[in-house]
N, C-alpha and C. Protein backbone atom coordinates (compact mmCIF):
# COMPACT_ATOMS: atom_id res chain seq x y z
N MET A 1 29.63 32.97 -15.48
CA MET A 1 29.43 31.57 -15.42
C MET A 1 28.01 31.15 -15.25
N MET A 2 27.38 30.32 -16.19
CA MET A 2 26.04 29.95 -16.04
C MET A 2 25.99 28.77 -15.32
N ARG A 3 24.96 28.67 -14.43
CA ARG A 3 24.58 27.42 -13.83
C ARG A 3 23.38 26.90 -14.42
N ALA A 4 23.36 25.58 -14.54
CA ALA A 4 22.15 24.86 -15.02
C ALA A 4 21.11 24.85 -13.95
N ARG A 5 19.81 25.12 -14.25
CA ARG A 5 18.89 25.08 -13.30
C ARG A 5 18.05 23.65 -13.32
N ALA A 6 17.86 23.21 -12.11
CA ALA A 6 17.15 21.86 -12.04
C ALA A 6 15.71 22.13 -12.04
N GLY A 7 14.86 21.34 -12.59
CA GLY A 7 13.49 21.40 -12.53
C GLY A 7 12.93 21.32 -13.87
N TRP A 8 11.74 21.73 -14.07
CA TRP A 8 11.06 21.61 -15.47
C TRP A 8 10.20 22.89 -15.61
N VAL A 9 9.85 23.10 -16.87
CA VAL A 9 9.08 24.39 -17.18
C VAL A 9 7.73 23.85 -17.60
N TYR A 10 6.63 24.28 -17.15
CA TYR A 10 5.29 23.98 -17.43
C TYR A 10 4.32 25.20 -17.52
N GLY A 11 3.74 25.55 -18.63
CA GLY A 11 3.02 26.51 -18.70
C GLY A 11 3.59 28.02 -18.59
N GLY A 12 4.88 28.02 -19.02
CA GLY A 12 5.56 29.14 -18.89
C GLY A 12 6.35 29.48 -17.54
N LYS A 13 5.89 28.61 -16.46
CA LYS A 13 6.46 28.67 -15.16
C LYS A 13 7.54 27.75 -14.89
N ARG A 14 8.44 28.14 -14.19
CA ARG A 14 9.49 27.21 -13.78
C ARG A 14 9.14 26.50 -12.47
N HIS A 15 9.20 25.18 -12.38
CA HIS A 15 8.90 24.43 -11.12
C HIS A 15 10.30 23.73 -10.81
N ALA A 16 10.64 24.01 -9.67
CA ALA A 16 11.85 23.29 -9.07
C ALA A 16 11.62 22.07 -8.23
N TYR A 17 12.63 21.13 -8.41
CA TYR A 17 12.74 19.94 -7.62
C TYR A 17 13.30 20.44 -6.17
N THR A 18 12.50 20.14 -5.18
CA THR A 18 12.97 20.52 -3.83
C THR A 18 12.99 19.18 -2.97
N ILE A 19 13.44 19.32 -1.82
CA ILE A 19 13.51 18.23 -0.78
C ILE A 19 12.12 17.82 -0.47
N PHE A 20 11.13 18.75 -0.66
CA PHE A 20 9.70 18.46 -0.34
C PHE A 20 9.03 17.87 -1.53
N TYR A 21 9.75 17.69 -2.70
CA TYR A 21 8.97 17.22 -3.76
C TYR A 21 8.27 15.79 -3.64
N ALA A 22 8.96 14.90 -2.95
CA ALA A 22 8.34 13.54 -2.77
C ALA A 22 7.13 13.64 -1.89
N ALA A 23 7.18 14.43 -0.79
CA ALA A 23 5.87 14.56 -0.03
C ALA A 23 4.86 15.44 -0.70
N PHE A 24 5.28 16.51 -1.18
CA PHE A 24 4.16 17.53 -1.93
C PHE A 24 4.66 17.69 -3.40
N PRO A 25 4.23 16.60 -4.28
CA PRO A 25 4.67 16.79 -5.66
C PRO A 25 3.79 17.87 -6.37
N CYS A 26 2.66 18.40 -5.73
CA CYS A 26 1.93 19.41 -6.49
C CYS A 26 1.87 20.67 -5.73
N PRO A 27 1.63 21.77 -6.39
CA PRO A 27 1.43 23.10 -5.49
C PRO A 27 0.32 23.02 -4.60
N VAL A 28 0.15 23.99 -3.69
CA VAL A 28 -0.96 24.00 -2.72
C VAL A 28 -2.27 24.14 -3.67
N VAL A 29 -2.40 24.97 -4.59
CA VAL A 29 -3.49 24.93 -5.50
C VAL A 29 -3.15 24.36 -6.77
N PRO A 30 -3.54 23.07 -6.77
CA PRO A 30 -2.95 22.24 -7.91
C PRO A 30 -3.59 22.64 -9.35
N ASP A 31 -2.74 22.47 -10.24
CA ASP A 31 -2.99 22.67 -11.60
C ASP A 31 -3.49 21.36 -12.13
N ARG A 32 -4.84 21.22 -12.48
CA ARG A 32 -5.52 20.03 -12.90
C ARG A 32 -4.61 19.20 -13.92
N SER A 33 -4.22 19.73 -14.93
CA SER A 33 -3.41 18.96 -15.99
C SER A 33 -2.19 18.33 -15.42
N LEU A 34 -1.49 19.10 -14.65
CA LEU A 34 -0.29 18.63 -14.20
C LEU A 34 -0.37 17.66 -12.93
N CYS A 35 -1.28 17.90 -12.02
CA CYS A 35 -1.40 17.05 -10.87
C CYS A 35 -2.46 16.08 -10.65
N ALA A 36 -3.31 16.01 -11.65
CA ALA A 36 -4.45 15.20 -11.57
C ALA A 36 -4.03 13.69 -11.39
N GLY A 37 -3.19 13.23 -12.03
CA GLY A 37 -2.76 11.76 -11.88
C GLY A 37 -2.07 11.50 -10.62
N ARG A 38 -1.27 12.49 -10.01
CA ARG A 38 -0.58 12.30 -8.75
C ARG A 38 -1.41 12.48 -7.58
N MET A 39 -2.53 13.04 -7.70
CA MET A 39 -3.36 13.33 -6.50
C MET A 39 -4.49 12.27 -6.34
N GLY A 40 -4.41 11.19 -7.08
CA GLY A 40 -5.39 10.17 -6.92
C GLY A 40 -6.78 10.49 -7.36
N ALA A 41 -6.78 11.53 -8.39
CA ALA A 41 -8.14 11.85 -8.90
C ALA A 41 -8.61 11.00 -10.02
N THR A 42 -7.77 9.99 -10.37
CA THR A 42 -7.96 9.07 -11.38
C THR A 42 -8.72 7.84 -10.73
N LEU A 43 -9.39 7.14 -11.59
CA LEU A 43 -10.03 5.85 -11.09
C LEU A 43 -9.12 4.89 -10.64
N GLY A 44 -7.86 4.80 -11.14
CA GLY A 44 -6.83 3.93 -10.90
C GLY A 44 -6.47 3.98 -9.38
N GLY A 45 -6.50 5.22 -8.79
CA GLY A 45 -6.13 5.45 -7.45
C GLY A 45 -7.15 4.92 -6.56
N PHE A 46 -8.45 4.95 -6.90
CA PHE A 46 -9.54 4.46 -6.08
C PHE A 46 -9.58 3.00 -6.14
N VAL A 47 -9.25 2.42 -7.19
CA VAL A 47 -9.24 0.97 -7.31
C VAL A 47 -7.92 0.32 -6.47
N ALA A 48 -6.85 1.03 -6.51
CA ALA A 48 -5.71 0.68 -5.72
C ALA A 48 -5.93 0.72 -4.27
N MET A 49 -6.75 1.72 -3.86
CA MET A 49 -7.02 1.81 -2.44
C MET A 49 -7.91 0.80 -1.99
N ARG A 50 -8.85 0.60 -2.78
CA ARG A 50 -9.95 -0.43 -2.59
C ARG A 50 -9.32 -1.85 -2.41
N LEU A 51 -8.38 -2.18 -3.16
CA LEU A 51 -7.59 -3.38 -3.13
C LEU A 51 -6.75 -3.50 -1.88
N LEU A 52 -6.15 -2.51 -1.49
CA LEU A 52 -5.44 -2.45 -0.26
C LEU A 52 -6.40 -2.65 0.95
N VAL A 53 -7.57 -1.97 0.92
CA VAL A 53 -8.42 -2.06 2.07
C VAL A 53 -8.88 -3.47 2.28
N PHE A 54 -9.40 -4.09 0.95
CA PHE A 54 -9.60 -5.61 1.14
C PHE A 54 -8.63 -6.53 1.65
N TYR A 55 -7.36 -6.23 1.20
CA TYR A 55 -6.26 -7.05 1.62
C TYR A 55 -6.00 -6.88 3.16
N ILE A 56 -6.08 -5.72 3.60
CA ILE A 56 -5.88 -5.45 4.93
C ILE A 56 -6.94 -6.18 5.91
N VAL A 57 -8.13 -6.09 5.39
CA VAL A 57 -9.32 -6.74 6.19
C VAL A 57 -9.06 -8.24 6.13
N PHE A 58 -8.75 -8.73 5.01
CA PHE A 58 -8.49 -10.26 4.90
C PHE A 58 -7.30 -10.77 5.74
N VAL A 59 -6.32 -9.95 5.74
CA VAL A 59 -5.18 -10.40 6.48
C VAL A 59 -5.46 -10.23 8.16
N ALA A 60 -6.24 -9.17 8.47
CA ALA A 60 -6.64 -9.12 9.91
C ALA A 60 -7.40 -10.36 10.30
N ILE A 61 -8.41 -10.74 9.55
CA ILE A 61 -9.36 -11.85 9.77
C ILE A 61 -8.54 -13.13 9.92
N GLY A 62 -7.71 -13.36 8.83
CA GLY A 62 -6.79 -14.47 8.67
C GLY A 62 -5.87 -14.62 9.83
N GLU A 63 -5.10 -13.62 10.16
CA GLU A 63 -4.22 -13.73 11.22
C GLU A 63 -4.80 -14.06 12.67
N ALA A 64 -6.11 -13.41 12.87
CA ALA A 64 -6.81 -13.81 14.05
C ALA A 64 -7.11 -15.25 13.99
N ILE A 65 -7.51 -15.93 13.04
CA ILE A 65 -7.68 -17.37 12.87
C ILE A 65 -6.32 -18.13 13.13
N ALA A 66 -5.30 -17.59 12.48
CA ALA A 66 -3.98 -18.24 12.73
C ALA A 66 -3.53 -18.23 14.12
N TYR A 67 -3.78 -17.08 14.71
CA TYR A 67 -3.40 -17.02 16.17
C TYR A 67 -4.15 -18.05 16.93
N ALA A 68 -5.28 -17.91 16.87
CA ALA A 68 -6.34 -18.97 17.39
C ALA A 68 -5.81 -20.48 17.28
N ALA A 69 -5.50 -20.79 16.03
CA ALA A 69 -5.11 -22.14 15.66
C ALA A 69 -3.81 -22.46 16.37
N GLY A 70 -2.84 -21.46 16.44
CA GLY A 70 -1.61 -21.75 17.09
C GLY A 70 -1.79 -21.84 18.56
N ARG A 71 -2.63 -21.01 19.32
CA ARG A 71 -2.87 -21.16 20.70
C ARG A 71 -3.60 -22.54 21.02
N THR A 72 -4.29 -22.97 20.01
CA THR A 72 -5.11 -24.23 20.37
C THR A 72 -4.08 -25.48 20.15
N VAL A 73 -3.26 -25.42 19.23
CA VAL A 73 -2.34 -26.50 19.12
C VAL A 73 -1.28 -26.50 20.22
N GLU A 74 -1.03 -25.19 20.84
CA GLU A 74 -0.08 -25.09 21.97
C GLU A 74 -0.57 -25.89 23.26
N LEU A 75 -1.93 -26.07 23.38
CA LEU A 75 -2.59 -26.80 24.44
C LEU A 75 -2.08 -28.36 24.28
N TRP A 76 -1.97 -28.80 23.15
CA TRP A 76 -1.50 -30.12 23.03
C TRP A 76 -0.11 -30.40 22.85
N SER A 77 0.61 -29.53 22.09
CA SER A 77 2.04 -29.65 21.87
C SER A 77 2.57 -28.25 21.74
N PRO A 78 3.36 -27.76 22.68
CA PRO A 78 4.06 -26.55 22.65
C PRO A 78 4.95 -26.44 21.57
N ALA A 79 5.73 -27.48 21.28
CA ALA A 79 6.78 -27.50 20.21
C ALA A 79 6.18 -27.37 18.89
N THR A 80 4.91 -27.88 18.70
CA THR A 80 4.34 -27.78 17.37
C THR A 80 3.63 -26.41 17.07
N SER A 81 3.41 -25.59 18.12
CA SER A 81 2.54 -24.55 17.81
C SER A 81 3.14 -23.47 16.92
N LEU A 82 4.55 -23.38 17.09
CA LEU A 82 5.22 -22.37 16.34
C LEU A 82 5.30 -22.72 14.85
N PRO A 83 5.56 -23.91 14.49
CA PRO A 83 5.49 -24.28 13.05
C PRO A 83 3.99 -24.13 12.45
N VAL A 84 2.92 -24.47 13.10
CA VAL A 84 1.60 -24.26 12.86
C VAL A 84 1.33 -22.87 12.53
N PHE A 85 1.70 -22.04 13.59
CA PHE A 85 1.35 -20.61 13.34
C PHE A 85 2.04 -19.93 12.31
N LEU A 86 3.43 -20.22 12.03
CA LEU A 86 4.18 -19.65 10.95
C LEU A 86 3.61 -20.13 9.67
N SER A 87 3.30 -21.35 9.53
CA SER A 87 2.62 -21.75 8.28
C SER A 87 1.42 -21.13 7.91
N ALA A 88 0.63 -20.92 8.92
CA ALA A 88 -0.75 -20.28 8.71
C ALA A 88 -0.53 -18.93 8.51
N PHE A 89 0.47 -18.28 9.13
CA PHE A 89 0.65 -16.87 8.93
C PHE A 89 1.05 -16.46 7.56
N PHE A 90 2.00 -17.25 6.93
CA PHE A 90 2.48 -17.05 5.56
C PHE A 90 1.28 -17.44 4.54
N PHE A 91 0.54 -18.42 4.90
CA PHE A 91 -0.58 -18.88 3.97
C PHE A 91 -1.51 -17.67 3.95
N VAL A 92 -1.89 -17.08 5.21
CA VAL A 92 -2.85 -16.07 5.09
C VAL A 92 -2.45 -14.80 4.20
N LEU A 93 -1.10 -14.40 4.34
CA LEU A 93 -0.64 -13.29 3.45
C LEU A 93 -0.76 -13.65 1.95
N TRP A 94 -0.54 -14.81 1.60
CA TRP A 94 -0.79 -15.25 0.20
C TRP A 94 -2.20 -15.30 -0.12
N ALA A 95 -3.06 -15.95 0.59
CA ALA A 95 -4.44 -16.19 0.45
C ALA A 95 -5.19 -14.94 0.38
N ALA A 96 -4.82 -14.01 1.24
CA ALA A 96 -5.61 -12.71 1.52
C ALA A 96 -5.36 -11.87 0.11
N TRP A 97 -4.09 -11.93 -0.44
CA TRP A 97 -3.89 -11.23 -1.73
C TRP A 97 -4.74 -11.78 -2.83
N ARG A 98 -4.64 -13.24 -2.82
CA ARG A 98 -5.57 -13.85 -3.99
C ARG A 98 -6.91 -13.46 -3.84
N LEU A 99 -7.45 -13.43 -2.60
CA LEU A 99 -8.93 -13.02 -2.42
C LEU A 99 -9.21 -11.50 -2.71
N ALA A 100 -8.26 -10.68 -2.26
CA ALA A 100 -8.44 -9.29 -2.59
C ALA A 100 -8.50 -8.91 -4.02
N VAL A 101 -7.60 -9.53 -4.99
CA VAL A 101 -7.56 -9.35 -6.21
C VAL A 101 -8.82 -9.82 -6.90
N LYS A 102 -9.47 -10.76 -6.44
CA LYS A 102 -10.77 -11.40 -7.00
C LYS A 102 -11.96 -10.66 -6.65
N MET A 103 -11.93 -9.58 -5.52
CA MET A 103 -13.13 -9.13 -5.19
C MET A 103 -13.52 -8.06 -6.39
N PRO A 104 -14.82 -7.96 -6.56
CA PRO A 104 -15.42 -6.99 -7.70
C PRO A 104 -15.16 -5.62 -7.30
């Protein structure tokens, strides 16, 4: 009785799918043609990481401002501070993404 083998053949070598495939999709000594795109060696990986960094910085700055606005409103009206903070919170998430995408 023959069993079907899971995996793929590349360059005459059989590569198996394991439980570690999601964490380590490439061998320890990567084969350039097989793993270059997965290891972030392409320009697209750099651009995506830069976009995320800009987004995180903008969100951190915006949330600090939203927190300060919520605390300031709380001095005048404690019941109004939560809606002010929540609306500013969600606005910052949207605006930070818009700004991060427009960064050069």
